[in-house]
PDB file of N, CA and C in Angstrom:
ATOM      1  N   UNK A   1     109.480  72.476  97.077  1.00  0.00           N
ATOM      2  CA  UNK A   1     108.920  73.216  98.259  1.00  0.00           C
ATOM      3  C   UNK A   1     107.334  73.224  98.153  1.00  0.00           C
ATOM      4  N   UNK A   2     106.909  73.500  97.042  1.00  0.00           N
ATOM      5  CA  UNK A   2     105.306  73.473  96.780  1.00  0.00           C
ATOM      6  C   UNK A   2     104.673  72.295  97.193  1.00  0.00           C
ATOM      7  N   UNK A   3     105.314  71.345  96.861  1.00  0.00           N
ATOM      8  CA  UNK A   3     104.517  69.775  97.096  1.00  0.00           C
ATOM      9  C   UNK A   3     104.622  69.703  98.767  1.00  0.00           C
ATOM     10  N   UNK A   4     105.746  69.862  99.463  1.00  0.00           N
ATOM     11  CA  UNK A   4     105.969  69.633 100.634  1.00  0.00           C
ATOM     12  C   UNK A   4     105.279  70.721 101.694  1.00  0.00           C
ATOM     13  N   UNK A   5     105.249  72.090 101.217  1.00  0.00           N
ATOM     14  CA  UNK A   5     104.631  73.033 102.143  1.00  0.00           C
ATOM     15  C   UNK A   5     103.429  73.842 101.574  1.00  0.00           C
ATOM     16  N   UNK A   6     103.201  73.718 100.207  1.00  0.00           N
ATOM     17  CA  UNK A   6     102.165  74.386  99.790  1.00  0.00           C
ATOM     18  C   UNK A   6     102.630  75.694  99.072  1.00  0.00           C
ATOM     19  N   UNK A   7     101.898  76.170  98.061  1.00  0.00           N
ATOM     20  CA  UNK A   7     102.433  77.393  97.333  1.00  0.00           C
ATOM     21  C   UNK A   7     102.599  78.493  98.159  1.00  0.00           C
ATOM     22  N   UNK A   8     101.962  78.824  99.061  1.00  0.00           N
ATOM     23  CA  UNK A   8     102.052  80.239  99.837  1.00  0.00           C
ATOM     24  C   UNK A   8     103.510  79.978 100.593  1.00  0.00           C
ATOM     25  N   UNK A   9     103.478  78.888 101.535  1.00  0.00           N
ATOM     26  CA  UNK A   9     104.724  78.900 102.100  1.00  0.00           C
ATOM     27  C   UNK A   9     106.159  78.479 101.183  1.00  0.00           C
ATOM     28  N   UNK A  10     106.039  77.794 100.093  1.00  0.00           N
ATOM     29  CA  UNK A  10     107.055  77.792  99.320  1.00  0.00           C
ATOM     30  C   UNK A  10     107.515  79.256  98.848  1.00  0.00           C
ATOM     31  N   UNK A  11     106.619  80.129  98.432  1.00  0.00           N
ATOM     32  CA  UNK A  11     106.856  81.373  98.218  1.00  0.00           C
ATOM     33  C   UNK A  11     107.548  82.282  99.405  1.00  0.00           C
ATOM     34  N   UNK A  12     106.823  82.184 100.315  1.00  0.00           N
ATOM     35  CA  UNK A  12     107.383  82.835 101.371  1.00  0.00           C
ATOM     36  C   UNK A  12     108.783  82.210 102.014  1.00  0.00           C
ATOM     37  N   UNK A  13     109.004  80.922 101.863  1.00  0.00           N
ATOM     38  CA  UNK A  13     110.129  80.255 102.145  1.00  0.00           C
ATOM     39  C   UNK A  13     111.379  80.968 101.131  1.00  0.00           C
ATOM     40  N   UNK A  14     111.113  80.958  99.850  1.00  0.00           N
ATOM     41  CA  UNK A  14     112.069  81.522  98.894  1.00  0.00           C
ATOM     42  C   UNK A  14     112.560  82.791  99.282  1.00  0.00           C
ATOM     43  N   UNK A  15     111.436  83.736  99.812  1.00  0.00           N
ATOM     44  CA  UNK A  15     111.865  85.229 100.073  1.00  0.00           C
ATOM     45  C   UNK A  15     112.599  85.202 101.191  1.00  0.00           C
ATOM     46  N   UNK A  16     112.345  84.531 102.446  1.00  0.00           N
ATOM     47  CA  UNK A  16     113.141  84.337 103.525  1.00  0.00           C
ATOM     48  C   UNK A  16     114.511  83.753 103.306  1.00  0.00           C
ATOM     49  N   UNK A  17     114.781  82.943 102.408  1.00  0.00           N
ATOM     50  CA  UNK A  17     116.184  82.430 102.108  1.00  0.00           C
ATOM     51  C   UNK A  17     116.880  83.481 101.463  1.00  0.00           C
ATOM     52  N   UNK A  18     116.241  84.072 100.571  1.00  0.00           N
ATOM     53  CA  UNK A  18     116.896  85.232  99.822  1.00  0.00           C
ATOM     54  C   UNK A  18     117.440  86.303 100.688  1.00  0.00           C
ATOM     55  N   UNK A  19     116.561  86.641 101.752  1.00  0.00           N
ATOM     56  CA  UNK A  19     116.708  87.785 102.811  1.00  0.00           C
ATOM     57  C   UNK A  19     117.976  87.258 103.500  1.00  0.00           C
ATOM     58  N   UNK A  20     117.759  86.174 104.128  1.00  0.00           N
ATOM     59  CA  UNK A  20     118.899  85.522 104.953  1.00  0.00           C
ATOM     60  C   UNK A  20     120.325  85.418 104.192  1.00  0.00           C
ATOM     61  N   UNK A  21     120.399  84.961 102.878  1.00  0.00           N
ATOM     62  CA  UNK A  21     121.485  84.966 102.112  1.00  0.00           C
ATOM     63  C   UNK A  21     122.117  86.258 101.859  1.00  0.00           C
ATOM     64  N   UNK A  22     121.284  87.339 101.525  1.00  0.00           N
ATOM     65  CA  UNK A  22     121.663  88.574 101.399  1.00  0.00           C
ATOM     66  C   UNK A  22     122.213  89.442 102.520  1.00  0.00           C
ATOM     67  N   UNK A  23     121.939  89.161 103.702  1.00  0.00           N
ATOM     68  CA  UNK A  23     122.216  89.701 104.956  1.00  0.00           C
ATOM     69  C   UNK A  23     123.760  89.651 105.381  1.00  0.00           C
ATOM     70  N   UNK A  24     124.411  90.692 105.682  1.00  0.00           N
ATOM     71  CA  UNK A  24     125.618  90.520 106.050  1.00  0.00           C
ATOM     72  C   UNK A  24     125.874  89.820 107.576  1.00  0.00           C
ATOM     73  N   UNK A  25     124.769  90.146 108.324  1.00  0.00           N
ATOM     74  CA  UNK A  25     124.781  89.383 109.589  1.00  0.00           C
ATOM     75  C   UNK A  25     123.240  89.255 110.055  1.00  0.00           C
ATOM     76  N   UNK A  26     122.974  88.503 111.145  1.00  0.00           N
ATOM     77  CA  UNK A  26     121.679  88.174 111.540  1.00  0.00           C
ATOM     78  C   UNK A  26     120.997  89.526 111.991  1.00  0.00           C
ATOM     79  N   UNK A  27     121.878  90.241 112.531  1.00  0.00           N
ATOM     80  CA  UNK A  27     121.234  91.680 112.884  1.00  0.00           C
ATOM     81  C   UNK A  27     120.357  92.441 111.891  1.00  0.00           C
ATOM     82  N   UNK A  28     120.733  92.197 110.470  1.00  0.00           N
ATOM     83  CA  UNK A  28     119.959  92.804 109.443  1.00  0.00           C
ATOM     84  C   UNK A  28     118.631  92.255 109.146  1.00  0.00           C
ATOM     85  N   UNK A  29     118.128  91.033 109.722  1.00  0.00           N
ATOM     86  CA  UNK A  29     116.828  90.532 109.578  1.00  0.00           C
ATOM     87  C   UNK A  29     116.049  91.102 110.580  1.00  0.00           C
ATOM     88  N   UNK A  30     115.036  91.733 110.414  1.00  0.00           N
ATOM     89  CA  UNK A  30     114.164  92.306 111.286  1.00  0.00           C
ATOM     90  C   UNK A  30     113.524  91.552 112.325  1.00  0.00           C
ATOM     91  N   UNK A  31     113.520  91.933 113.501  1.00  0.00           N
ATOM     92  CA  UNK A  31     112.526  91.052 114.445  1.00  0.00           C
ATOM     93  C   UNK A  31     111.083  91.510 114.719  1.00  0.00           C
ATOM     94  N   UNK A  32     110.784  92.484 113.723  1.00  0.00           N
ATOM     95  CA  UNK A  32     109.512  93.026 113.468  1.00  0.00           C
ATOM     96  C   UNK A  32     108.709  92.385 112.243  1.00  0.00           C
ATOM     97  N   UNK A  33     107.487  92.227 112.056  1.00  0.00           N
ATOM     98  CA  UNK A  33     107.054  91.677 110.897  1.00  0.00           C
ATOM     99  C   UNK A  33     107.497  92.283 109.672  1.00  0.00           C
ATOM    100  N   UNK A  34     107.641  91.703 108.559  1.00  0.00           N
ATOM    101  CA  UNK A  34     107.116  90.568 108.150  1.00  0.00           C
ATOM    102  C   UNK A  34     107.904  89.171 108.568  1.00  0.00           C
ATOM    103  N   UNK A  35     109.476  89.426 108.596  1.00  0.00           N
ATOM    104  CA  UNK A  35     110.206  88.297 108.888  1.00  0.00           C
ATOM    105  C   UNK A  35     110.080  87.914 110.574  1.00  0.00           C
ATOM    106  N   UNK A  36     110.079  88.769 111.240  1.00  0.00           N
ATOM    107  CA  UNK A  36     109.936  88.625 112.920  1.00  0.00           C
ATOM    108  C   UNK A  36     110.917  87.478 113.263  1.00  0.00           C
ATOM    109  N   UNK A  37     112.357  87.787 112.943  1.00  0.00           N
ATOM    110  CA  UNK A  37     113.354  86.881 113.411  1.00  0.00           C
ATOM    111  C   UNK A  37     113.581  87.148 115.045  1.00  0.00           C
ATOM    112  N   UNK A  38     113.422  86.004 115.517  1.00  0.00           N
ATOM    113  CA  UNK A  38     113.550  85.960 116.983  1.00  0.00           C
ATOM    114  C   UNK A  38     114.142  84.662 117.479  1.00  0.00           C
ATOM    115  N   UNK A  39     114.905  84.738 118.541  1.00  0.00           N
ATOM    116  CA  UNK A  39     115.505  83.695 119.324  1.00  0.00           C
ATOM    117  C   UNK A  39     114.377  82.873 120.187  1.00  0.00           C
ATOM    118  N   UNK A  40     114.364  81.503 120.010  1.00  0.00           N
ATOM    119  CA  UNK A  40     113.350  80.730 120.621  1.00  0.00           C
ATOM    120  C   UNK A  40     113.910  80.488 122.087  1.00  0.00           C
ATOM    121  N   UNK A  41     112.851  79.904 122.796  1.00  0.00           N
ATOM    122  CA  UNK A  41     113.149  79.723 124.270  1.00  0.00           C
ATOM    123  C   UNK A  41     112.821  78.216 124.524  1.00  0.00           C
ATOM    124  N   UNK A  42     112.934  77.916 125.826  1.00  0.00           N
ATOM    125  CA  UNK A  42     112.770  76.761 126.237  1.00  0.00           C
ATOM    126  C   UNK A  42     113.559  75.601 125.781  1.00  0.00           C
ATOM    127  N   UNK A  43     112.980  74.455 125.253  1.00  0.00           N
ATOM    128  CA  UNK A  43     113.753  73.468 124.512  1.00  0.00           C
ATOM    129  C   UNK A  43     114.400  73.802 123.334  1.00  0.00           C
ATOM    130  N   UNK A  44     114.137  74.938 122.797  1.00  0.00           N
ATOM    131  CA  UNK A  44     114.655  75.412 121.453  1.00  0.00           C
ATOM    132  C   UNK A  44     115.551  76.492 121.729  1.00  0.00           C
ATOM    133  N   UNK A  45     116.162  76.854 122.988  1.00  0.00           N
ATOM    134  CA  UNK A  45     116.982  77.916 123.248  1.00  0.00           C
ATOM    135  C   UNK A  45     118.205  77.771 122.308  1.00  0.00           C
ATOM    136  N   UNK A  46     118.677  78.976 121.706  1.00  0.00           N
ATOM    137  CA  UNK A  46     119.804  79.050 120.859  1.00  0.00           C
ATOM    138  C   UNK A  46     119.273  78.876 119.438  1.00  0.00           C
ATOM    139  N   UNK A  47     117.995  78.424 119.090  1.00  0.00           N
ATOM    140  CA  UNK A  47     117.590  78.518 117.786  1.00  0.00           C
ATOM    141  C   UNK A  47     116.972  79.842 117.495  1.00  0.00           C
ATOM    142  N   UNK A  48     116.774  80.164 116.229  1.00  0.00           N
ATOM    143  CA  UNK A  48     116.140  81.253 115.854  1.00  0.00           C
ATOM    144  C   UNK A  48     114.932  80.891 114.791  1.00  0.00           C
ATOM    145  N   UNK A  49     114.060  81.643 114.821  1.00  0.00           N
ATOM    146  CA  UNK A  49     112.922  81.470 113.598  1.00  0.00           C
ATOM    147  C   UNK A  49     112.563  82.883 112.888  1.00  0.00           C
ATOM    148  N   UNK A  50     112.019  82.533 111.790  1.00  0.00           N
ATOM    149  CA  UNK A  50     111.601  83.568 110.912  1.00  0.00           C
ATOM    150  C   UNK A  50     110.249  83.163 110.503  1.00  0.00           C
ATOM    151  N   UNK A  51     109.214  84.015 110.337  1.00  0.00           N
ATOM    152  CA  UNK A  51     107.865  83.690 109.819  1.00  0.00           C
ATOM    153  C   UNK A  51     107.633  83.262 108.429  1.00  0.00           C
ATOM    154  N   UNK A  52     106.947  82.121 108.189  1.00  0.00           N
ATOM    155  CA  UNK A  52     106.531  82.022 106.744  1.00  0.00           C
ATOM    156  C   UNK A  52     105.020  82.123 106.787  1.00  0.00           C
ATOM    157  N   UNK A  53     104.344  81.260 106.220  1.00  0.00           N
ATOM    158  CA  UNK A  53     102.834  81.442 106.113  1.00  0.00           C
ATOM    159  C   UNK A  53     102.375  80.908 107.540  1.00  0.00           C
ATOM    160  N   UNK A  54     101.572  81.807 108.407  1.00  0.00           N
ATOM    161  CA  UNK A  54     101.270  81.071 109.660  1.00  0.00           C
ATOM    162  C   UNK A  54     100.476  79.844 109.491  1.00  0.00           C
ATOM    163  N   UNK A  55     100.945  78.880 110.481  1.00  0.00           N
ATOM    164  CA  UNK A  55     101.711  78.944 111.532  1.00  0.00           C
ATOM    165  C   UNK A  55     103.131  78.395 111.286  1.00  0.00           C
ATOM    166  N   UNK A  56     103.693  78.212 110.334  1.00  0.00           N
ATOM    167  CA  UNK A  56     104.877  77.743 109.956  1.00  0.00           C
ATOM    168  C   UNK A  56     105.973  78.778 109.978  1.00  0.00           C
ATOM    169  N   UNK A  57     107.101  78.341 110.569  1.00  0.00           N
ATOM    170  CA  UNK A  57     108.299  79.097 110.755  1.00  0.00           C
ATOM    171  C   UNK A  57     109.652  78.332 110.138  1.00  0.00           C
ATOM    172  N   UNK A  58     110.474  79.021 109.745  1.00  0.00           N
ATOM    173  CA  UNK A  58     111.903  78.541 109.227  1.00  0.00           C
ATOM    174  C   UNK A  58     112.854  78.589 110.522  1.00  0.00           C
ATOM    175  N   UNK A  59     113.292  77.616 110.853  1.00  0.00           N
ATOM    176  CA  UNK A  59     114.131  77.424 112.202  1.00  0.00           C
ATOM    177  C   UNK A  59     115.563  77.313 111.813  1.00  0.00           C
ATOM    178  N   UNK A  60     116.546  77.975 112.365  1.00  0.00           N
ATOM    179  CA  UNK A  60     117.849  77.749 112.114  1.00  0.00           C
ATOM    180  C   UNK A  60     118.678  78.093 113.335  1.00  0.00           C
ATOM    181  N   UNK A  61     119.899  77.873 113.171  1.00  0.00           N
ATOM    182  CA  UNK A  61     120.993  78.125 114.358  1.00  0.00           C
ATOM    183  C   UNK A  61     122.246  78.767 113.694  1.00  0.00           C
ATOM    184  N   UNK A  62     122.999  79.581 114.708  1.00  0.00           N
ATOM    185  CA  UNK A  62     124.136  80.050 114.174  1.00  0.00           C
ATOM    186  C   UNK A  62     125.274  78.904 114.075  1.00  0.00           C
ATOM    187  N   UNK A  63     126.057  78.994 113.007  1.00  0.00           N
ATOM    188  CA  UNK A  63     127.210  78.116 112.950  1.00  0.00           C
ATOM    189  C   UNK A  63     128.388  78.350 113.675  1.00  0.00           C
ATOM    190  N   UNK A  64     128.575  79.518 113.963  1.00  0.00           N
ATOM    191  CA  UNK A  64     129.807  79.887 114.453  1.00  0.00           C
ATOM    192  C   UNK A  64     130.222  78.897 115.796  1.00  0.00           C
ATOM    193  N   UNK A  65     131.416  78.676 115.751  1.00  0.00           N
ATOM    194  CA  UNK A  65     131.948  77.931 116.944  1.00  0.00           C
ATOM    195  C   UNK A  65     132.985  78.528 117.619  1.00  0.00           C
ATOM    196  N   UNK A  66     133.044  79.162 118.701  1.00  0.00           N
ATOM    197  CA  UNK A  66     131.665  79.256 119.611  1.00  0.00           C
ATOM    198  C   UNK A  66     130.857  80.475 119.051  1.00  0.00           C
ATOM    199  N   UNK A  67     129.521  80.143 119.337  1.00  0.00           N
ATOM    200  CA  UNK A  67     128.416  81.161 119.071  1.00  0.00           C
ATOM    201  C   UNK A  67     128.753  82.418 119.711  1.00  0.00           C
ATOM    202  N   UNK A  68     128.831  83.362 118.863  1.00  0.00           N
ATOM    203  CA  UNK A  68     129.217  84.798 119.570  1.00  0.00           C
ATOM    204  C   UNK A  68     128.307  85.254 120.477  1.00  0.00           C
ATOM    205  N   UNK A  69     128.601  85.728 121.837  1.00  0.00           N
ATOM    206  CA  UNK A  69     127.755  85.967 122.745  1.00  0.00           C
ATOM    207  C   UNK A  69     127.965  87.332 123.298  1.00  0.00           C
ATOM    208  N   UNK A  70     126.917  88.002 123.607  1.00  0.00           N
ATOM    209  CA  UNK A  70     126.828  89.376 124.413  1.00  0.00           C
ATOM    210  C   UNK A  70     127.362  89.088 125.833  1.00  0.00           C
ATOM    211  N   UNK A  71     127.757  90.412 126.308  1.00  0.00           N
ATOM    212  CA  UNK A  71     128.038  90.151 127.833  1.00  0.00           C
ATOM    213  C   UNK A  71     126.759  89.465 128.715  1.00  0.00           C
ATOM    214  N   UNK A  72     125.530  89.788 128.348  1.00  0.00           N
ATOM    215  CA  UNK A  72     124.453  89.348 129.139  1.00  0.00           C
ATOM    216  C   UNK A  72     124.265  87.828 128.728  1.00  0.00           C
ATOM    217  N   UNK A  73     124.958  87.185 127.948  1.00  0.00           N
ATOM    218  CA  UNK A  73     124.573  85.968 127.606  1.00  0.00           C
ATOM    219  C   UNK A  73     123.911  85.637 126.376  1.00  0.00           C
ATOM    220  N   UNK A  74     123.015  86.825 125.817  1.00  0.00           N
ATOM    221  CA  UNK A  74     122.506  86.523 124.425  1.00  0.00           C
ATOM    222  C   UNK A  74     123.295  86.534 123.411  1.00  0.00           C
ATOM    223  N   UNK A  75     122.910  85.961 122.277  1.00  0.00           N
ATOM    224  CA  UNK A  75     123.501  85.768 121.018  1.00  0.00           C
ATOM    225  C   UNK A  75     123.673  87.122 120.326  1.00  0.00           C
ATOM    226  N   UNK A  76     125.021  87.419 119.959  1.00  0.00           N
ATOM    227  CA  UNK A  76     125.484  88.620 119.347  1.00  0.00           C
ATOM    228  C   UNK A  76     124.951  88.314 117.974  1.00  0.00           C
ATOM    229  N   UNK A  77     123.810  88.916 117.399  1.00  0.00           N
ATOM    230  CA  UNK A  77     123.256  88.930 116.106  1.00  0.00           C
ATOM    231  C   UNK A  77     124.266  89.620 115.048  1.00  0.00           C
ATOM    232  N   UNK A  78     124.821  90.643 115.578  1.00  0.00           N
ATOM    233  CA  UNK A  78     125.786  91.341 114.689  1.00  0.00           C
ATOM    234  C   UNK A  78     127.027  90.716 114.435  1.00  0.00           C
ATOM    235  N   UNK A  79     127.311  89.582 115.064  1.00  0.00           N
ATOM    236  CA  UNK A  79     128.425  88.539 114.573  1.00  0.00           C
ATOM    237  C   UNK A  79     127.995  87.455 114.202  1.00  0.00           C
ATOM    238  N   UNK A  80     126.686  87.151 114.012  1.00  0.00           N
ATOM    239  CA  UNK A  80     126.351  85.852 113.459  1.00  0.00           C
ATOM    240  C   UNK A  80     126.255  86.213 111.889  1.00  0.00           C
ATOM    241  N   UNK A  81     127.268  85.464 111.076  1.00  0.00           N
ATOM    242  CA  UNK A  81     127.389  85.783 109.686  1.00  0.00           C
ATOM    243  C   UNK A  81     126.965  84.444 108.896  1.00  0.00           C
ATOM    244  N   UNK A  82     126.745  83.485 109.557  1.00  0.00           N
ATOM    245  CA  UNK A  82     126.384  81.996 108.755  1.00  0.00           C
ATOM    246  C   UNK A  82     125.512  81.347 109.670  1.00  0.00           C
ATOM    247  N   UNK A  83     124.455  80.525 109.156  1.00  0.00           N
ATOM    248  CA  UNK A  83     123.585  79.823 109.819  1.00  0.00           C
ATOM    249  C   UNK A  83     123.386  78.722 109.163  1.00  0.00           C
ATOM    250  N   UNK A  84     122.738  77.608 109.895  1.00  0.00           N
ATOM    251  CA  UNK A  84     122.400  76.373 109.341  1.00  0.00           C
ATOM    252  C   UNK A  84     120.759  76.214 109.812  1.00  0.00           C
ATOM    253  N   UNK A  85     119.987  75.890 108.434  1.00  0.00           N
ATOM    254  CA  UNK A  85     118.679  75.612 108.718  1.00  0.00           C
ATOM    255  C   UNK A  85     118.445  74.230 109.108  1.00  0.00           C
ATOM    256  N   UNK A  86     117.517  74.226 110.202  1.00  0.00           N
ATOM    257  CA  UNK A  86     117.307  72.962 110.721  1.00  0.00           C
ATOM    258  C   UNK A  86     115.842  72.368 110.557  1.00  0.00           C
ATOM    259  N   UNK A  87     114.936  73.339 110.467  1.00  0.00           N
ATOM    260  CA  UNK A  87     113.429  72.795 110.325  1.00  0.00           C
ATOM    261  C   UNK A  87     112.503  73.694 109.793  1.00  0.00           C
ATOM    262  N   UNK A  88     111.477  73.169 109.233  1.00  0.00           N
ATOM    263  CA  UNK A  88     110.446  74.258 108.907  1.00  0.00           C
ATOM    264  C   UNK A  88     109.215  73.620 109.784  1.00  0.00           C
ATOM    265  N   UNK A  89     108.407  74.294 110.744  1.00  0.00           N
ATOM    266  CA  UNK A  89     107.487  73.655 111.622  1.00  0.00           C
ATOM    267  C   UNK A  89     106.599  74.941 112.251  1.00  0.00           C
ATOM    268  N   UNK A  90     105.498  74.272 112.945  1.00  0.00           N
ATOM    269  CA  UNK A  90     104.853  75.368 113.762  1.00  0.00           C
ATOM    270  C   UNK A  90     105.383  75.206 115.093  1.00  0.00           C
ATOM    271  N   UNK A  91     105.953  76.250 115.727  1.00  0.00           N
ATOM    272  CA  UNK A  91     106.560  76.135 117.045  1.00  0.00           C
ATOM    273  C   UNK A  91     105.760  76.362 118.192  1.00  0.00           C
ATOM    274  N   UNK A  92     104.373  76.723 118.043  1.00  0.00           N
ATOM    275  CA  UNK A  92     103.582  76.830 119.088  1.00  0.00           C
ATOM    276  C   UNK A  92     102.868  75.555 119.468  1.00  0.00           C
TER     277      UNK A  92
END
């Protein structure tokens, strides 16, 4: 990880992976800093990201099939219990 992303990002990535693994559901990952877990929009709708070292983000999707939804169509974070990591990049 250090070679690919640098020491700071490698440390932050390890921390985020630990947090994601320890959580019972995606609801437990804060959408406030430092993790800032949030659903992406546009071409990346359905994907989530958490902050690493700016500007990098860890991107992932719920594995559930079908993805648990709220009545308003959003993803029900309290029912997402497993994710698949898909990328690390700057989403801006």
